């Protein structure tokens, strides 16, 4: 009975009072930033948690590849925790297991993140492991064969997921090179030896390219260990990557199974005022249903529920100097055609009629999505490490959320109009004979 009362109270509150409520301040964990003696930026986030983590965040994502070594960042990621000058791969793994820790490597379009998770007192061991990955990996020819097998396996697994294929392809069509480089080394990669991977590591593992991020660790201890373990890091200033340029275009991929269609537009760089506005637009459109029994009230959610056999989601990818905004539709090919046309009409005309309540709901969702990005160790590490590497400063969660308070309905309408002026990027995957072409939308 108590549960029923609580639910009743929740749903009978006037909508206007819900929309007028003040959002509680999101308390951010204490963040300390300093430079090591070697010039590496060291960041600690005190979460007061019993488990800790440390990561070496390197400006070495797939964007850093050149036309001669496309795919090398994927190989470098998979060389992490292989044999070093002092330890075999087996010993590195076994020692981490005996301490109850976890070692991992993750590749994004702009960063390579090599990390360890462990009990608080084991920071010295795990940071030493990460420093060995950076400075002492042997890049043995016999291990290259095994690394290549793991690279091929990961690529094959990714190619079995339509959402990964469409995401990779929409970036390739939108940006061509740089941000358009795939996260996965394909079968045409020119990387054929461990020497090429080692040469790339020497290029990217330099002090200006590295940030060390620790969570639930003592900052002074982290800095002291960094001074000791990273004292021999190269100070070579890496070449500035070619500025991203948005092109747009169309790609059609015939494939069995479910059909997918993506419509993308030139977005905004993370941290730019327009990026926050696009986050609100994404939240307003939002094709996903967030309650178990509800049909959703956003434009794309209502469209999805009306057609029944399609799923619609929106995305807003922000990078250091560019962005990509778009809609992903999956389901029955015929319904995708109707949905794509309806989405096109929605973007062209319906955004001029955003109600005040829908706008305030979108602001609230955008704030939540932003706060959630700081929620886990992994997401905080990637986010804060990237901010330091690309902008030189950390954007506190409170600052990021407050920014939404200054956005108006007119800002969203004007940004949407600007969005539609860019050449669209479309990707059709599946039954391409039934899926729409870009020029008919």
Protein backbone atom coordinates (compact mmCIF):
# COMPACT_ATOMS: atom_id res chain seq x y z
CA UNK A 1 0.00 0.00 0.00
CA UNK A 2 2.86 2.34 0.80
CA UNK A 3 4.37 1.73 -2.63
CA UNK A 4 1.04 2.51 -4.30
CA UNK A 5 0.77 5.75 -2.37
CA UNK A 6 4.23 6.80 -3.39
CA UNK A 7 3.54 6.07 -7.05
CA UNK A 8 0.26 7.94 -6.90
CA UNK A 9 1.95 10.92 -5.30
CA UNK A 10 4.60 10.93 -7.99
CA UNK A 11 2.21 10.94 -10.92
CA UNK A 12 -0.44 13.29 -9.58
CA UNK A 13 2.00 16.17 -8.96
CA UNK A 14 1.23 19.04 -11.36
CA UNK A 15 3.55 19.03 -14.35
CA UNK A 16 4.24 22.73 -13.95
CA UNK A 17 5.57 22.23 -10.42
CA UNK A 18 7.83 19.41 -11.59
CA UNK A 19 9.29 21.61 -14.30
CA UNK A 20 9.85 24.51 -11.88
CA UNK A 21 11.84 22.49 -9.38
CA UNK A 22 15.45 23.45 -8.70
CA UNK A 23 18.05 20.85 -9.51
CA UNK A 24 20.29 19.82 -6.67
CA UNK A 25 23.92 20.69 -7.17
CA UNK A 26 25.86 17.68 -8.36
CA UNK A 27 28.72 17.38 -5.91
CA UNK A 28 31.88 16.69 -7.81
CA UNK A 29 34.69 14.65 -6.28
CA UNK A 30 37.79 16.66 -5.29
CA UNK A 31 40.10 16.85 -8.30
CA UNK A 32 43.78 17.77 -8.00
CA UNK A 33 45.99 18.53 -11.02
CA UNK A 34 49.75 18.99 -11.09
CA UNK A 35 52.80 18.43 -13.29
CA UNK A 36 55.37 15.75 -12.62
CA UNK A 37 59.09 16.56 -12.83
CA UNK A 38 59.09 14.95 -16.27
CA UNK A 39 56.34 17.28 -17.48
CA UNK A 40 53.48 14.76 -17.44
CA UNK A 41 50.13 16.06 -16.20
CA UNK A 42 48.93 14.09 -13.17
CA UNK A 43 45.27 14.15 -12.12
CA UNK A 44 43.74 12.55 -9.04
CA UNK A 45 40.05 12.25 -8.21
CA UNK A 46 39.27 11.41 -4.59
CA UNK A 47 36.12 9.27 -4.50
CA UNK A 48 36.80 7.81 -1.05
CA UNK A 49 36.12 4.39 -2.51
CA UNK A 50 37.84 1.18 -1.31
CA UNK A 51 38.79 0.32 -4.89
CA UNK A 52 41.12 2.53 -6.91
CA UNK A 53 42.21 2.93 -10.50
CA UNK A 54 45.01 4.53 -12.46
CA UNK A 55 45.23 5.11 -16.18
CA UNK A 56 47.72 6.39 -18.70
CA UNK A 57 45.65 8.41 -21.18
CA UNK A 58 47.56 8.97 -24.42
CA UNK A 59 46.69 11.17 -27.38
CA UNK A 60 47.02 8.14 -29.63
CA UNK A 61 43.56 7.25 -30.89
CA UNK A 62 42.81 6.10 -34.41
CA UNK A 63 42.85 9.75 -35.43
CA UNK A 64 46.65 9.82 -34.90
CA UNK A 65 47.23 7.29 -37.69
CA UNK A 66 48.55 8.31 -41.09
CA UNK A 67 47.64 6.87 -44.49
CA UNK A 68 50.77 4.68 -44.25
CA UNK A 69 49.88 3.03 -40.95
CA UNK A 70 46.08 3.05 -40.68
CA UNK A 71 45.14 0.48 -38.04
CA UNK A 72 48.37 0.81 -36.03
CA UNK A 73 46.57 2.29 -33.00
CA UNK A 74 44.51 -0.90 -32.76
CA UNK A 75 47.74 -2.96 -32.82
CA UNK A 76 49.32 -0.73 -30.16
CA UNK A 77 46.30 -1.21 -27.91
CA UNK A 78 46.55 -4.97 -28.23
CA UNK A 79 50.30 -4.92 -27.50
CA UNK A 80 49.50 -3.56 -24.02
CA UNK A 81 50.49 -6.04 -21.28
CA UNK A 82 52.54 -8.20 -23.64
CA UNK A 83 56.11 -9.14 -22.68
CA UNK A 84 58.28 -6.33 -21.36
CA UNK A 85 62.01 -6.19 -20.67
CA UNK A 86 61.49 -7.42 -17.11
CA UNK A 87 58.39 -9.60 -17.25
CA UNK A 88 56.58 -12.02 -19.52
CA UNK A 89 52.96 -11.42 -20.47
CA UNK A 90 52.01 -14.39 -18.28
CA UNK A 91 53.75 -12.91 -15.24
CA UNK A 92 52.14 -9.49 -15.73
CA UNK A 93 48.69 -11.08 -15.88
CA UNK A 94 49.30 -13.50 -13.04
CA UNK A 95 50.61 -10.86 -10.63
CA UNK A 96 47.57 -8.66 -11.34
CA UNK A 97 45.26 -11.62 -10.65
CA UNK A 98 47.03 -12.44 -7.36
CA UNK A 99 46.38 -8.87 -6.22
CA UNK A 100 42.76 -9.05 -7.35
CA UNK A 101 43.30 -6.32 -9.95
CA UNK A 102 42.14 -5.77 -13.50
CA UNK A 103 44.26 -4.59 -16.43
CA UNK A 104 42.65 -3.17 -19.57
CA UNK A 105 43.30 -1.11 -22.68
CA UNK A 106 40.70 0.91 -24.57
CA UNK A 107 40.92 2.78 -27.86
CA UNK A 108 38.81 5.76 -28.88
CA UNK A 109 39.08 8.02 -31.91
CA UNK A 110 41.29 10.43 -29.98
CA UNK A 111 42.80 8.51 -27.07
CA UNK A 112 44.45 5.27 -26.03
CA UNK A 113 43.65 4.47 -22.40
CA UNK A 114 45.78 1.89 -20.58
CA UNK A 115 44.45 1.27 -17.09
CA UNK A 116 44.48 -0.81 -13.95
CA UNK A 117 41.87 -1.26 -11.21
CA UNK A 118 42.95 -2.47 -7.78
CA UNK A 119 42.80 -2.11 -4.00
CA UNK A 120 44.01 1.28 -2.81
CA UNK A 121 47.32 0.04 -1.32
CA UNK A 122 48.41 -1.57 -4.61
CA UNK A 123 48.90 1.68 -6.57
CA UNK A 124 52.74 1.31 -6.78
CA UNK A 125 52.51 -2.10 -8.44
CA UNK A 126 49.90 -1.15 -11.02
CA UNK A 127 51.43 2.18 -12.00
CA UNK A 128 54.74 0.35 -12.51
CA UNK A 129 52.95 -2.11 -14.80
CA UNK A 130 51.57 0.79 -16.86
CA UNK A 131 54.97 2.47 -17.07
CA UNK A 132 56.47 -0.82 -18.28
CA UNK A 133 53.83 -0.94 -21.03
CA UNK A 134 54.90 2.53 -22.16
CA UNK A 135 58.69 2.16 -21.89
CA UNK A 136 59.60 -1.53 -21.81
CA UNK A 137 57.26 -3.44 -24.14
CA UNK A 138 59.48 -5.60 -26.36
CA UNK A 139 57.26 -5.70 -29.45
CA UNK A 140 58.57 -9.18 -30.22
CA UNK A 141 57.96 -10.47 -33.79
CA UNK A 142 56.52 -13.73 -32.46
CA UNK A 143 54.02 -11.78 -30.33
CA UNK A 144 52.99 -9.72 -33.34
CA UNK A 145 51.39 -12.83 -34.82
CA UNK A 146 49.30 -13.33 -31.70
CA UNK A 147 48.42 -9.62 -31.55
CA UNK A 148 47.33 -9.73 -35.19
CA UNK A 149 45.04 -12.66 -34.42
CA UNK A 150 43.45 -10.71 -31.56
CA UNK A 151 43.09 -7.66 -33.82
CA UNK A 152 41.37 -9.77 -36.49
CA UNK A 153 39.11 -11.35 -33.88
CA UNK A 154 38.03 -7.98 -32.50
CA UNK A 155 37.42 -6.66 -36.00
CA UNK A 156 35.31 -9.73 -36.83
CA UNK A 157 33.32 -9.36 -33.62
CA UNK A 158 32.72 -5.67 -34.38
CA UNK A 159 31.60 -6.42 -37.93
CA UNK A 160 28.91 -8.70 -36.51
CA UNK A 161 27.33 -5.72 -34.71
CA UNK A 162 25.39 -3.46 -37.13
CA UNK A 163 25.53 -0.47 -34.78
CA UNK A 164 29.34 -0.62 -34.75
CA UNK A 165 29.51 -0.89 -38.54
CA UNK A 166 27.19 2.09 -39.06
CA UNK A 167 29.03 4.20 -36.46
CA UNK A 168 32.41 3.47 -38.05
CA UNK A 169 31.05 4.09 -41.55
CA UNK A 170 29.25 7.34 -40.74
CA UNK A 171 32.51 8.72 -39.32
CA UNK A 172 34.45 7.56 -42.39
CA UNK A 173 31.98 9.24 -44.76
CA UNK A 174 31.70 12.40 -42.66
CA UNK A 175 35.41 13.01 -42.06
CA UNK A 176 37.24 10.66 -44.48
CA UNK A 177 40.59 10.72 -42.62
CA UNK A 178 41.56 11.47 -39.02
CA UNK A 179 38.29 11.14 -37.13
CA UNK A 180 37.14 9.06 -40.08
CA UNK A 181 39.77 6.37 -39.42
CA UNK A 182 38.26 3.13 -38.19
CA UNK A 183 38.78 1.97 -34.61
CA UNK A 184 39.60 -1.44 -36.07
CA UNK A 185 42.51 -2.42 -38.29
CA UNK A 186 40.96 -3.90 -41.43
CA UNK A 187 42.27 -6.54 -43.82
CA UNK A 188 43.96 -3.92 -46.03
CA UNK A 189 46.09 -2.42 -43.24
CA UNK A 190 49.72 -1.76 -44.10
CA UNK A 191 50.82 -2.70 -40.57
CA UNK A 192 52.72 -5.94 -41.13
CA UNK A 193 55.40 -5.99 -38.42
CA UNK A 194 56.02 -5.20 -34.76
CA UNK A 195 58.62 -2.63 -35.82
CA UNK A 196 55.87 -0.43 -37.25
CA UNK A 197 53.95 -0.63 -33.98
CA UNK A 198 57.10 0.20 -32.01
CA UNK A 199 57.80 3.21 -34.25
CA UNK A 200 54.26 4.49 -33.63
CA UNK A 201 54.66 3.99 -29.86
CA UNK A 202 57.88 6.03 -29.87
CA UNK A 203 56.01 8.81 -31.65
CA UNK A 204 53.01 8.97 -29.31
CA UNK A 205 54.48 8.05 -25.90
CA UNK A 206 55.85 11.52 -25.11
CA UNK A 207 55.27 13.78 -22.11
CA UNK A 208 53.03 16.32 -23.92
CA UNK A 209 50.90 13.43 -25.17
CA UNK A 210 50.32 11.73 -21.80
CA UNK A 211 48.05 12.38 -18.84
CA UNK A 212 47.95 10.10 -15.80
CA UNK A 213 44.57 9.90 -14.07
CA UNK A 214 44.00 8.19 -10.75
CA UNK A 215 40.75 7.69 -8.83
CA UNK A 216 40.63 7.08 -5.06
CA UNK A 217 44.39 7.49 -4.76
CA UNK A 218 46.62 9.81 -2.74
CA UNK A 219 47.68 12.62 -5.05
CA UNK A 220 51.12 13.13 -3.54
CA UNK A 221 51.85 9.42 -3.81
CA UNK A 222 50.66 9.38 -7.43
CA UNK A 223 52.91 12.32 -8.33
CA UNK A 224 55.89 10.81 -6.50
CA UNK A 225 55.49 7.49 -8.29
CA UNK A 226 55.08 9.26 -11.65
CA UNK A 227 58.33 11.20 -11.02
CA UNK A 228 60.12 7.92 -10.45
CA UNK A 229 58.54 5.66 -13.06
CA UNK A 230 58.17 8.15 -15.93
CA UNK A 231 61.39 10.13 -15.47
CA UNK A 232 62.82 8.90 -18.79
CA UNK A 233 59.81 9.85 -20.90
CA UNK A 234 60.57 11.63 -24.15
CA UNK A 235 59.84 15.36 -24.30
CA UNK A 236 59.46 15.44 -28.06
CA UNK A 237 56.53 17.61 -29.03
CA UNK A 238 54.34 15.53 -31.37
CA UNK A 239 53.22 17.00 -34.65
CA UNK A 240 49.82 18.67 -34.57
CA UNK A 241 47.19 16.44 -36.16
CA UNK A 242 45.52 17.72 -39.30
CA UNK A 243 42.44 19.74 -38.38
CA UNK A 244 39.21 17.82 -38.83
CA UNK A 245 37.10 18.72 -41.84
CA UNK A 246 33.50 17.66 -42.32
CA UNK A 247 32.58 16.46 -45.83
CA UNK A 248 29.32 14.50 -45.70
CA UNK A 249 28.20 11.98 -48.28
CA UNK A 250 26.50 8.61 -48.67
CA UNK A 251 27.44 4.96 -48.15
CA UNK A 252 25.31 1.90 -48.91
CA UNK A 253 26.32 -1.53 -47.60
CA UNK A 254 24.40 -4.65 -48.59
CA UNK A 255 24.23 -7.10 -45.70
CA UNK A 256 21.97 -9.91 -44.42
CA UNK A 257 19.96 -9.50 -41.25
CA UNK A 258 18.40 -6.37 -39.83
CA UNK A 259 18.45 -3.09 -41.73
CA UNK A 260 19.84 0.18 -40.41
CA UNK A 261 19.86 3.76 -41.63
CA UNK A 262 21.86 6.68 -40.18
CA UNK A 263 21.42 10.37 -40.96
CA UNK A 264 24.26 12.54 -39.73
CA UNK A 265 25.12 16.23 -39.80
CA UNK A 266 28.11 18.39 -38.89
CA UNK A 267 28.01 18.83 -35.12
CA UNK A 268 30.17 20.81 -32.70
CA UNK A 269 33.40 20.19 -30.81
CA UNK A 270 33.09 19.04 -27.20
CA UNK A 271 33.28 22.06 -24.92
CA UNK A 272 31.95 24.48 -27.53
CA UNK A 273 28.71 26.33 -26.65
CA UNK A 274 26.94 24.71 -29.62
CA UNK A 275 27.80 21.25 -28.30
CA UNK A 276 25.71 21.84 -25.17
CA UNK A 277 22.85 23.14 -27.32
CA UNK A 278 23.04 20.00 -29.47
CA UNK A 279 22.89 17.92 -26.29
CA UNK A 280 19.56 19.59 -25.55
CA UNK A 281 18.37 18.96 -29.11
CA UNK A 282 19.38 15.32 -28.81
CA UNK A 283 17.48 15.02 -25.52
CA UNK A 284 14.42 16.70 -27.06
CA UNK A 285 14.34 14.30 -30.03
CA UNK A 286 15.35 11.19 -28.00
CA UNK A 287 13.85 8.10 -29.59
CA UNK A 288 14.26 5.85 -26.56
CA UNK A 289 11.60 5.00 -23.98
CA UNK A 290 12.78 5.48 -20.39
CA UNK A 291 9.87 3.94 -18.47
CA UNK A 292 8.88 0.30 -18.52
CA UNK A 293 5.24 0.79 -19.47
CA UNK A 294 5.35 4.21 -21.09
CA UNK A 295 5.38 4.88 -24.82
CA UNK A 296 7.64 7.92 -24.55
CA UNK A 297 6.66 11.53 -25.15
CA UNK A 298 9.53 12.78 -27.28
CA UNK A 299 8.99 13.23 -31.05
CA UNK A 300 11.14 10.27 -32.08
CA UNK A 301 9.75 8.00 -29.34
CA UNK A 302 6.19 8.76 -30.49
CA UNK A 303 7.20 8.08 -34.09
CA UNK A 304 8.81 4.78 -33.12
CA UNK A 305 5.73 3.67 -31.18
CA UNK A 306 3.44 4.63 -34.03
CA UNK A 307 5.32 2.50 -36.58
CA UNK A 308 5.99 -0.32 -34.06
CA UNK A 309 8.65 -2.16 -36.10
CA UNK A 310 11.46 0.42 -35.94
CA UNK A 311 13.80 1.66 -33.22
CA UNK A 312 15.12 5.22 -33.30
CA UNK A 313 17.94 6.82 -31.33
CA UNK A 314 19.82 10.11 -31.55
CA UNK A 315 23.52 10.76 -30.97
CA UNK A 316 25.80 13.75 -30.47
CA UNK A 317 29.49 12.87 -30.72
CA UNK A 318 31.84 15.69 -29.73
CA UNK A 319 35.59 15.63 -30.33
CA UNK A 320 38.42 18.12 -29.74
CA UNK A 321 37.81 20.09 -32.93
CA UNK A 322 34.68 18.66 -34.57
CA UNK A 323 31.42 16.87 -33.93
CA UNK A 324 28.81 14.63 -35.49
CA UNK A 325 25.09 14.79 -34.72
CA UNK A 326 22.57 12.33 -36.07
CA UNK A 327 19.72 9.84 -35.95
CA UNK A 328 20.01 6.04 -36.11
CA UNK A 329 17.01 4.01 -37.33
CA UNK A 330 16.79 0.21 -37.36
CA UNK A 331 14.07 -2.31 -38.19
CA UNK A 332 11.93 -3.22 -41.19
CA UNK A 333 13.36 -1.64 -44.39
CA UNK A 334 9.97 -0.35 -45.59
CA UNK A 335 9.24 1.22 -42.21
CA UNK A 336 12.75 2.70 -42.14
CA UNK A 337 11.92 4.56 -45.37
CA UNK A 338 8.77 6.06 -43.86
CA UNK A 339 10.61 6.85 -40.63
CA UNK A 340 13.53 8.53 -42.41
CA UNK A 341 11.13 10.80 -44.30
CA UNK A 342 9.24 11.61 -41.11
CA UNK A 343 12.53 12.37 -39.30
CA UNK A 344 13.56 14.63 -42.16
CA UNK A 345 10.26 16.55 -41.94
CA UNK A 346 10.57 16.75 -38.17
CA UNK A 347 14.03 18.30 -38.39
CA UNK A 348 12.96 20.74 -41.11
CA UNK A 349 9.64 21.97 -39.73
CA UNK A 350 8.55 20.70 -36.31
CA UNK A 351 11.49 22.13 -34.36
CA UNK A 352 9.95 25.58 -34.76
CA UNK A 353 7.12 24.50 -32.45
CA UNK A 354 8.95 23.31 -29.32
CA UNK A 355 6.78 23.89 -26.26
CA UNK A 356 8.16 25.36 -23.05
CA UNK A 357 7.50 22.16 -21.11
CA UNK A 358 9.16 19.94 -23.74
CA UNK A 359 12.15 22.29 -23.77
CA UNK A 360 12.51 22.19 -19.97
CA UNK A 361 12.23 18.39 -20.08
CA UNK A 362 15.03 18.29 -22.67
CA UNK A 363 17.20 20.55 -20.49
CA UNK A 364 16.67 18.19 -17.54
CA UNK A 365 17.60 15.14 -19.63
CA UNK A 366 20.68 16.87 -21.02
CA UNK A 367 21.80 17.68 -17.48
CA UNK A 368 21.31 14.07 -16.44
CA UNK A 369 23.25 12.70 -19.42
CA UNK A 370 26.09 15.11 -18.63
CA UNK A 371 26.17 14.18 -14.94
CA UNK A 372 26.06 10.46 -15.80
CA UNK A 373 29.20 10.87 -17.94
CA UNK A 374 31.10 11.57 -14.70
CA UNK A 375 29.53 8.61 -12.90
CA UNK A 376 31.95 5.70 -13.33
CA UNK A 377 35.71 5.39 -12.97
CA UNK A 378 36.13 4.45 -16.63
CA UNK A 379 34.00 7.30 -17.98
CA UNK A 380 35.60 9.87 -15.66
CA UNK A 381 39.08 8.73 -16.63
CA UNK A 382 38.37 8.99 -20.36
CA UNK A 383 36.53 12.30 -20.04
CA UNK A 384 39.00 14.08 -17.76
CA UNK A 385 42.08 12.66 -19.48
CA UNK A 386 40.74 13.86 -22.84
CA UNK A 387 39.92 17.31 -21.47
CA UNK A 388 43.47 17.78 -20.16
CA UNK A 389 45.10 16.53 -23.36
CA UNK A 390 42.98 18.55 -25.76
CA UNK A 391 42.02 21.72 -23.88
CA UNK A 392 44.47 21.86 -20.99
CA UNK A 393 41.76 22.16 -18.34
CA UNK A 394 39.19 20.07 -16.53
CA UNK A 395 35.53 21.04 -16.83
CA UNK A 396 33.89 20.28 -13.45
CA UNK A 397 30.56 18.51 -13.64
CA UNK A 398 28.89 21.44 -11.86
CA UNK A 399 30.16 23.86 -14.51
CA UNK A 400 29.05 21.58 -17.33
CA UNK A 401 25.54 21.33 -15.88
CA UNK A 402 25.15 25.03 -15.11
CA UNK A 403 25.88 25.79 -18.78
CA UNK A 404 22.48 24.37 -19.70
CA UNK A 405 20.74 27.06 -17.63
CA UNK A 406 21.78 29.68 -20.18
CA UNK A 407 20.36 27.88 -23.22
CA UNK A 408 17.08 29.15 -24.70
CA UNK A 409 14.51 27.68 -27.07
CA UNK A 410 15.75 30.10 -29.74
CA UNK A 411 19.28 28.72 -29.31
CA UNK A 412 18.01 25.22 -30.06
CA UNK A 413 15.99 26.37 -33.09
CA UNK A 414 18.90 28.38 -34.53
CA UNK A 415 21.39 25.57 -33.99
CA UNK A 416 19.01 23.09 -35.63
CA UNK A 417 18.71 25.38 -38.66
CA UNK A 418 22.50 25.62 -38.90
CA UNK A 419 22.73 21.85 -38.53
CA UNK A 420 20.51 21.27 -41.54
CA UNK A 421 22.60 23.59 -43.71
CA UNK A 422 25.51 21.12 -43.59
CA UNK A 423 25.67 18.36 -46.19
CA UNK A 424 24.06 15.26 -44.67
CA UNK A 425 25.94 12.03 -44.11
CA UNK A 426 23.86 8.90 -44.65
CA UNK A 427 24.66 5.23 -44.19
CA UNK A 428 22.32 2.44 -45.32
CA UNK A 429 23.10 -1.08 -44.08
CA UNK A 430 21.07 -4.18 -44.89
CA UNK A 431 18.48 -4.40 -47.67
CA UNK A 432 19.83 -1.44 -49.67
CA UNK A 433 17.28 -2.04 -52.43
CA UNK A 434 14.52 -1.04 -50.02
CA UNK A 435 16.38 1.53 -47.90
CA UNK A 436 16.13 5.20 -48.89
CA UNK A 437 18.76 7.25 -50.70
CA UNK A 438 19.94 10.54 -49.26
CA UNK A 439 18.58 12.64 -52.12
CA UNK A 440 14.97 11.55 -51.58
CA UNK A 441 14.82 12.77 -47.97
